[in-house]
């Protein structure tokens, strides 16, 4: 493990996802320890977007940097169970600042209270709204990306699949950071990383139990189950060496390439799931900077 990260491992909480309420409190405390980012000239606004199929409104937080180019529908991490607009604020603001994109951070419904497809419906509603309000946001509807961390990355990949199949708004790019893609948990990393910091195999399995709520997984719930990846937007895939999701992410990236989808793949050695929160580490600084740089290139005119 990267020595700058290893010293922080004892400080990461051993969250028990069997109790979602307690897990959310622990996750919020961890996020609160990340220094906020004050970007001069960036406008931040909370809104509510109409939900799909008569569903509840979806809270969003919009980050508008100066001289914005393109938009990013951003989906937070937290194993489908934890997180929200406040916990994601440090990351959404940093991506907006480093990429120059208008970031629409999505406060999607959480499991187990609202299992699949609630979160994906919320993500789809926000994508539709973002594309339909491009003039108001000051963006180009042809330059809209989707992305996310962890469970949010899995939701972004699922959103790209569903949007392709339903002929939804055009998606320019997928920004997938350590996404959760496969409920089956049969890869080497999923079976062997039983004691990794923050997220281990048992926790990952619990997140899928909460998210699926007993339903049979489809490709829109677990994108690794998709049989056809052709016609999807170009993607950036980042994986962490000591992450149960690592091998399913690597396999998905290779399958995208085999389907003719351009992919940039970066496996970060010495890192673990969520270690980017340790901002003092040099590898975290490179990881976070790269997310913004990749998105800036993808959304360029």
Protein backbone atom coordinates (compact mmCIF):
# COMPACT_ATOMS: atom_id res chain seq x y z
CA UNK A 1 0.00 0.00 0.00
CA UNK A 2 1.14 3.55 -0.65
CA UNK A 3 2.87 4.64 2.59
CA UNK A 4 1.14 8.04 2.57
CA UNK A 5 -2.20 6.24 2.59
CA UNK A 6 -1.30 3.42 4.95
CA UNK A 7 -0.84 5.71 7.95
CA UNK A 8 -4.49 6.78 7.65
CA UNK A 9 -5.96 3.27 7.50
CA UNK A 10 -6.61 3.02 11.27
CA UNK A 11 -8.64 6.24 11.07
CA UNK A 12 -11.15 4.90 8.53
CA UNK A 13 -14.35 3.77 10.28
CA UNK A 14 -15.44 0.13 10.21
CA UNK A 15 -18.98 0.96 9.18
CA UNK A 16 -21.60 -1.74 9.62
CA UNK A 17 -24.00 -1.51 6.69
CA UNK A 18 -26.44 -3.79 8.47
CA UNK A 19 -27.64 -0.56 10.15
CA UNK A 20 -28.13 1.98 7.34
CA UNK A 21 -28.93 4.87 9.69
CA UNK A 22 -25.73 4.42 11.68
CA UNK A 23 -23.76 3.90 8.47
CA UNK A 24 -25.04 7.21 7.10
CA UNK A 25 -23.96 9.06 10.22
CA UNK A 26 -20.49 7.54 10.00
CA UNK A 27 -20.23 8.37 6.30
CA UNK A 28 -21.33 11.95 6.91
CA UNK A 29 -18.70 12.36 9.64
CA UNK A 30 -16.01 11.06 7.30
CA UNK A 31 -17.07 13.45 4.54
CA UNK A 32 -17.18 16.38 6.97
CA UNK A 33 -13.47 15.88 7.63
CA UNK A 34 -12.63 16.70 4.00
CA UNK A 35 -11.75 20.39 3.64
CA UNK A 36 -14.35 22.34 1.62
CA UNK A 37 -13.29 24.04 -1.58
CA UNK A 38 -13.93 27.74 -1.99
CA UNK A 39 -13.79 28.63 -5.68
CA UNK A 40 -14.07 32.36 -6.47
CA UNK A 41 -16.78 33.01 -9.00
CA UNK A 42 -18.39 29.57 -8.80
CA UNK A 43 -22.16 29.68 -8.37
CA UNK A 44 -23.76 26.95 -6.29
CA UNK A 45 -27.50 26.45 -6.28
CA UNK A 46 -29.87 23.85 -4.81
CA UNK A 47 -32.84 22.89 -6.97
CA UNK A 48 -35.51 20.20 -7.23
CA UNK A 49 -35.95 18.31 -10.51
CA UNK A 50 -39.26 16.58 -11.38
CA UNK A 51 -39.02 12.83 -10.89
CA UNK A 52 -39.86 10.14 -13.42
CA UNK A 53 -43.23 8.46 -13.80
CA UNK A 54 -44.84 10.60 -11.14
CA UNK A 55 -42.06 9.92 -8.66
CA UNK A 56 -40.88 12.46 -6.08
CA UNK A 57 -38.81 15.47 -7.04
CA UNK A 58 -35.07 14.84 -7.08
CA UNK A 59 -32.86 17.27 -5.16
CA UNK A 60 -29.82 18.47 -7.07
CA UNK A 61 -26.96 20.85 -6.34
CA UNK A 62 -25.66 22.74 -9.35
CA UNK A 63 -22.06 23.99 -9.53
CA UNK A 64 -21.46 26.62 -12.21
CA UNK A 65 -17.80 27.56 -12.68
CA UNK A 66 -16.81 30.60 -14.66
CA UNK A 67 -16.51 30.01 -18.42
CA UNK A 68 -18.25 26.65 -18.14
CA UNK A 69 -18.01 24.08 -20.92
CA UNK A 70 -20.39 21.18 -21.01
CA UNK A 71 -22.22 19.53 -18.11
CA UNK A 72 -21.71 16.53 -15.87
CA UNK A 73 -24.52 14.64 -14.16
CA UNK A 74 -22.65 13.44 -11.08
CA UNK A 75 -23.76 10.53 -8.87
CA UNK A 76 -22.34 10.20 -5.39
CA UNK A 77 -20.83 7.14 -3.77
CA UNK A 78 -21.94 5.39 -0.61
CA UNK A 79 -22.91 1.87 -1.58
CA UNK A 80 -26.42 2.89 -2.70
CA UNK A 81 -27.16 3.30 1.02
CA UNK A 82 -25.17 6.33 2.21
CA UNK A 83 -24.37 9.81 0.98
CA UNK A 84 -26.13 12.81 -0.47
CA UNK A 85 -25.59 16.33 -1.70
CA UNK A 86 -23.73 17.45 1.42
CA UNK A 87 -21.35 14.49 1.63
CA UNK A 88 -20.58 14.86 -2.08
CA UNK A 89 -20.01 18.61 -1.96
CA UNK A 90 -16.19 18.40 -1.61
CA UNK A 91 -15.94 16.22 -4.71
CA UNK A 92 -18.55 17.88 -6.89
CA UNK A 93 -17.04 21.32 -6.30
CA UNK A 94 -13.52 20.05 -7.06
CA UNK A 95 -14.59 18.39 -10.30
CA UNK A 96 -16.45 21.51 -11.41
CA UNK A 97 -13.40 23.66 -10.65
CA UNK A 98 -10.85 21.37 -12.30
CA UNK A 99 -12.91 20.41 -15.37
CA UNK A 100 -14.74 23.65 -16.10
CA UNK A 101 -18.01 21.70 -16.39
CA UNK A 102 -21.34 22.60 -14.86
CA UNK A 103 -21.75 19.78 -12.35
CA UNK A 104 -25.29 18.68 -11.47
CA UNK A 105 -24.90 16.60 -8.32
CA UNK A 106 -27.83 14.22 -7.79
CA UNK A 107 -29.41 13.51 -4.41
CA UNK A 108 -30.93 10.22 -5.51
CA UNK A 109 -33.09 8.05 -3.27
CA UNK A 110 -31.25 5.57 -1.07
CA UNK A 111 -31.69 1.88 -0.38
CA UNK A 112 -32.96 -0.10 1.45
CA UNK A 113 -35.91 2.29 1.88
CA UNK A 114 -35.98 2.89 -1.89
CA UNK A 115 -34.37 -0.06 -3.71
CA UNK A 116 -33.64 -0.41 -7.41
CA UNK A 117 -34.75 1.19 -9.70
CA UNK A 118 -35.41 4.31 -7.59
CA UNK A 119 -31.86 5.69 -7.77
CA UNK A 120 -31.57 4.99 -11.49
CA UNK A 121 -34.95 6.62 -12.16
CA UNK A 122 -33.74 9.71 -10.29
CA UNK A 123 -30.51 9.76 -12.29
CA UNK A 124 -32.44 9.46 -15.57
CA UNK A 125 -34.79 12.28 -14.55
CA UNK A 126 -31.84 14.57 -13.82
CA UNK A 127 -30.13 13.70 -17.11
CA UNK A 128 -33.33 14.58 -18.99
CA UNK A 129 -33.62 17.83 -17.05
CA UNK A 130 -29.97 18.78 -17.59
CA UNK A 131 -30.23 18.24 -21.34
CA UNK A 132 -33.53 20.10 -21.51
CA UNK A 133 -32.22 23.09 -19.53
CA UNK A 134 -28.92 23.53 -21.35
CA UNK A 135 -29.72 27.14 -22.24
CA UNK A 136 -30.43 27.99 -18.60
CA UNK A 137 -27.29 26.19 -17.44
CA UNK A 138 -25.16 27.79 -20.12
CA UNK A 139 -24.10 24.43 -21.58
CA UNK A 140 -24.34 22.55 -24.86
CA UNK A 141 -26.85 19.64 -24.73
CA UNK A 142 -24.52 17.69 -27.03
CA UNK A 143 -21.73 17.93 -24.42
CA UNK A 144 -23.24 16.24 -21.37
CA UNK A 145 -21.35 13.57 -19.43
CA UNK A 146 -22.38 11.19 -16.67
CA UNK A 147 -20.13 10.00 -13.89
CA UNK A 148 -19.70 9.02 -10.30
CA UNK A 149 -17.70 7.37 -7.55
CA UNK A 150 -18.26 3.78 -6.39
CA UNK A 151 -22.02 3.06 -6.37
CA UNK A 152 -22.45 6.36 -8.21
CA UNK A 153 -20.09 5.13 -10.90
CA UNK A 154 -22.20 2.01 -11.25
CA UNK A 155 -25.31 4.14 -11.56
CA UNK A 156 -23.59 6.26 -14.23
CA UNK A 157 -22.72 3.15 -16.25
CA UNK A 158 -26.29 1.88 -15.88
CA UNK A 159 -27.63 5.26 -16.92
CA UNK A 160 -25.52 5.15 -20.10
CA UNK A 161 -26.90 1.69 -20.92
CA UNK A 162 -30.50 2.66 -20.26
CA UNK A 163 -30.22 5.93 -22.15
CA UNK A 164 -28.78 4.11 -25.17
CA UNK A 165 -31.60 1.57 -25.13
CA UNK A 166 -34.36 4.13 -24.59
CA UNK A 167 -32.98 6.65 -27.10
CA UNK A 168 -32.55 9.25 -24.40
CA UNK A 169 -30.49 12.46 -24.41
CA UNK A 170 -27.02 12.15 -25.95
CA UNK A 171 -24.23 11.36 -23.50
CA UNK A 172 -20.77 12.53 -24.54
CA UNK A 173 -18.74 10.65 -21.92
CA UNK A 174 -18.74 8.31 -18.92
CA UNK A 175 -16.49 9.21 -15.95
CA UNK A 176 -16.35 6.00 -13.90
CA UNK A 177 -14.32 6.04 -10.69
CA UNK A 178 -14.09 2.65 -8.95
CA UNK A 179 -17.68 1.83 -9.94
CA UNK A 180 -19.79 -0.95 -8.49
CA UNK A 181 -20.86 -2.94 -11.55
CA UNK A 182 -21.44 -6.58 -10.62
CA UNK A 183 -23.69 -7.97 -7.90
CA UNK A 184 -22.38 -11.52 -8.43
CA UNK A 185 -19.05 -10.79 -6.70
CA UNK A 186 -17.26 -13.68 -8.40
CA UNK A 187 -14.00 -11.98 -9.43
CA UNK A 188 -10.66 -12.61 -7.73
CA UNK A 189 -10.62 -9.21 -6.03
CA UNK A 190 -14.21 -9.55 -4.84
CA UNK A 191 -13.46 -12.94 -3.29
CA UNK A 192 -10.08 -12.12 -1.74
CA UNK A 193 -10.24 -8.54 -0.43
CA UNK A 194 -11.88 -9.44 2.86
CA UNK A 195 -10.03 -6.95 5.07
CA UNK A 196 -9.38 -3.93 2.86
CA UNK A 197 -9.94 -0.46 4.37
CA UNK A 198 -13.35 1.19 4.17
CA UNK A 199 -14.94 -1.26 1.70
CA UNK A 200 -14.31 -5.02 1.85
CA UNK A 201 -16.11 -7.94 0.26
CA UNK A 202 -18.68 -8.30 3.04
CA UNK A 203 -19.66 -4.64 2.84
CA UNK A 204 -19.90 -4.72 -0.93
CA UNK A 205 -22.20 -7.74 -0.74
CA UNK A 206 -24.38 -5.94 1.81
CA UNK A 207 -24.71 -2.89 -0.45
CA UNK A 208 -26.03 -5.07 -3.26
CA UNK A 209 -28.48 -6.77 -0.90
CA UNK A 210 -29.85 -3.38 0.13
CA UNK A 211 -29.95 -2.03 -3.41
CA UNK A 212 -31.63 -5.00 -5.07
CA UNK A 213 -34.06 -5.58 -2.23
CA UNK A 214 -34.47 -9.22 -3.16
CA UNK A 215 -35.10 -8.54 -6.86
CA UNK A 216 -33.20 -10.33 -9.61
CA UNK A 217 -30.45 -8.12 -10.99
CA UNK A 218 -30.64 -6.90 -14.58
CA UNK A 219 -28.06 -5.03 -16.62
CA UNK A 220 -29.60 -1.73 -15.55
CA UNK A 221 -28.99 -2.67 -11.91
CA UNK A 222 -25.60 -4.32 -12.41
CA UNK A 223 -24.05 -3.16 -15.71
CA UNK A 224 -21.54 -6.04 -15.78
CA UNK A 225 -24.51 -8.27 -16.62
CA UNK A 226 -25.08 -6.44 -19.92
CA UNK A 227 -24.45 -8.64 -22.95
CA UNK A 228 -24.12 -5.80 -25.48
CA UNK A 229 -21.88 -2.82 -24.71
CA UNK A 230 -21.74 -1.44 -28.23
CA UNK A 231 -22.85 2.09 -28.95
CA UNK A 232 -22.05 3.37 -25.47
CA UNK A 233 -20.25 6.70 -24.87
CA UNK A 234 -16.47 6.80 -24.51
CA UNK A 235 -15.36 6.13 -20.95
CA UNK A 236 -12.68 6.79 -18.39
CA UNK A 237 -12.30 3.96 -15.87
CA UNK A 238 -10.24 4.34 -12.69
CA UNK A 239 -9.60 1.45 -10.33
CA UNK A 240 -7.88 1.09 -6.97
CA UNK A 241 -5.44 -1.75 -6.37
CA UNK A 242 -6.95 -2.86 -3.06
CA UNK A 243 -10.62 -2.59 -3.96
CA UNK A 244 -13.13 -5.45 -4.23
CA UNK A 245 -14.53 -3.76 -7.36
CA UNK A 246 -11.15 -3.73 -9.09
CA UNK A 247 -11.40 -6.80 -11.30
CA UNK A 248 -15.02 -6.28 -12.36
CA UNK A 249 -14.05 -2.74 -13.39
CA UNK A 250 -11.04 -3.94 -15.37
CA UNK A 251 -13.16 -6.58 -17.08
CA UNK A 252 -15.87 -4.04 -17.95
CA UNK A 253 -13.29 -1.67 -19.43
CA UNK A 254 -11.89 -4.46 -21.62
CA UNK A 255 -15.39 -5.46 -22.75
CA UNK A 256 -16.12 -1.83 -23.67
CA UNK A 257 -12.96 -1.81 -25.80
CA UNK A 258 -13.94 -5.07 -27.46
CA UNK A 259 -17.33 -3.52 -28.28
CA UNK A 260 -15.62 -0.62 -30.03
CA UNK A 261 -16.04 1.93 -27.23
CA UNK A 262 -13.00 4.18 -26.62
CA UNK A 263 -11.74 3.73 -23.04
CA UNK A 264 -9.01 5.33 -20.96
CA UNK A 265 -8.11 2.99 -18.11
CA UNK A 266 -6.04 3.89 -15.07
CA UNK A 267 -5.26 1.36 -12.34
CA UNK A 268 -3.82 3.28 -9.37
CA UNK A 269 -1.22 1.17 -7.51
CA UNK A 270 -1.08 1.24 -3.74
CA UNK A 271 -4.56 2.73 -3.35
CA UNK A 272 -7.75 1.41 -1.78
CA UNK A 273 -11.45 2.10 -2.28
CA UNK A 274 -12.13 5.67 -1.21
CA UNK A 275 -8.52 6.56 -0.48
CA UNK A 276 -8.84 9.66 -2.66
CA UNK A 277 -10.38 11.30 0.39
CA UNK A 278 -6.85 11.47 1.87
CA UNK A 279 -6.04 14.71 0.09
CA UNK A 280 -2.56 15.06 1.58
CA UNK A 281 -1.30 11.97 -0.29
CA UNK A 282 0.45 12.64 -3.57
CA UNK A 283 -1.34 9.78 -5.31
CA UNK A 284 -4.73 11.18 -4.24
CA UNK A 285 -3.81 14.57 -5.62
CA UNK A 286 -2.95 12.99 -8.96
CA UNK A 287 -6.15 10.93 -8.97
CA UNK A 288 -8.37 13.92 -8.27
CA UNK A 289 -6.57 16.15 -10.76
CA UNK A 290 -6.87 13.50 -13.46
CA UNK A 291 -10.65 13.24 -13.09
CA UNK A 292 -10.97 16.92 -13.88
CA UNK A 293 -8.43 16.88 -16.69
CA UNK A 294 -10.04 13.88 -18.38
CA UNK A 295 -13.48 15.44 -18.22
CA UNK A 296 -12.21 18.78 -19.54
CA UNK A 297 -10.76 17.04 -22.60
CA UNK A 298 -13.90 14.96 -23.14
CA UNK A 299 -16.21 17.98 -23.10
CA UNK A 300 -14.02 20.26 -25.17
CA UNK A 301 -15.67 21.67 -28.32
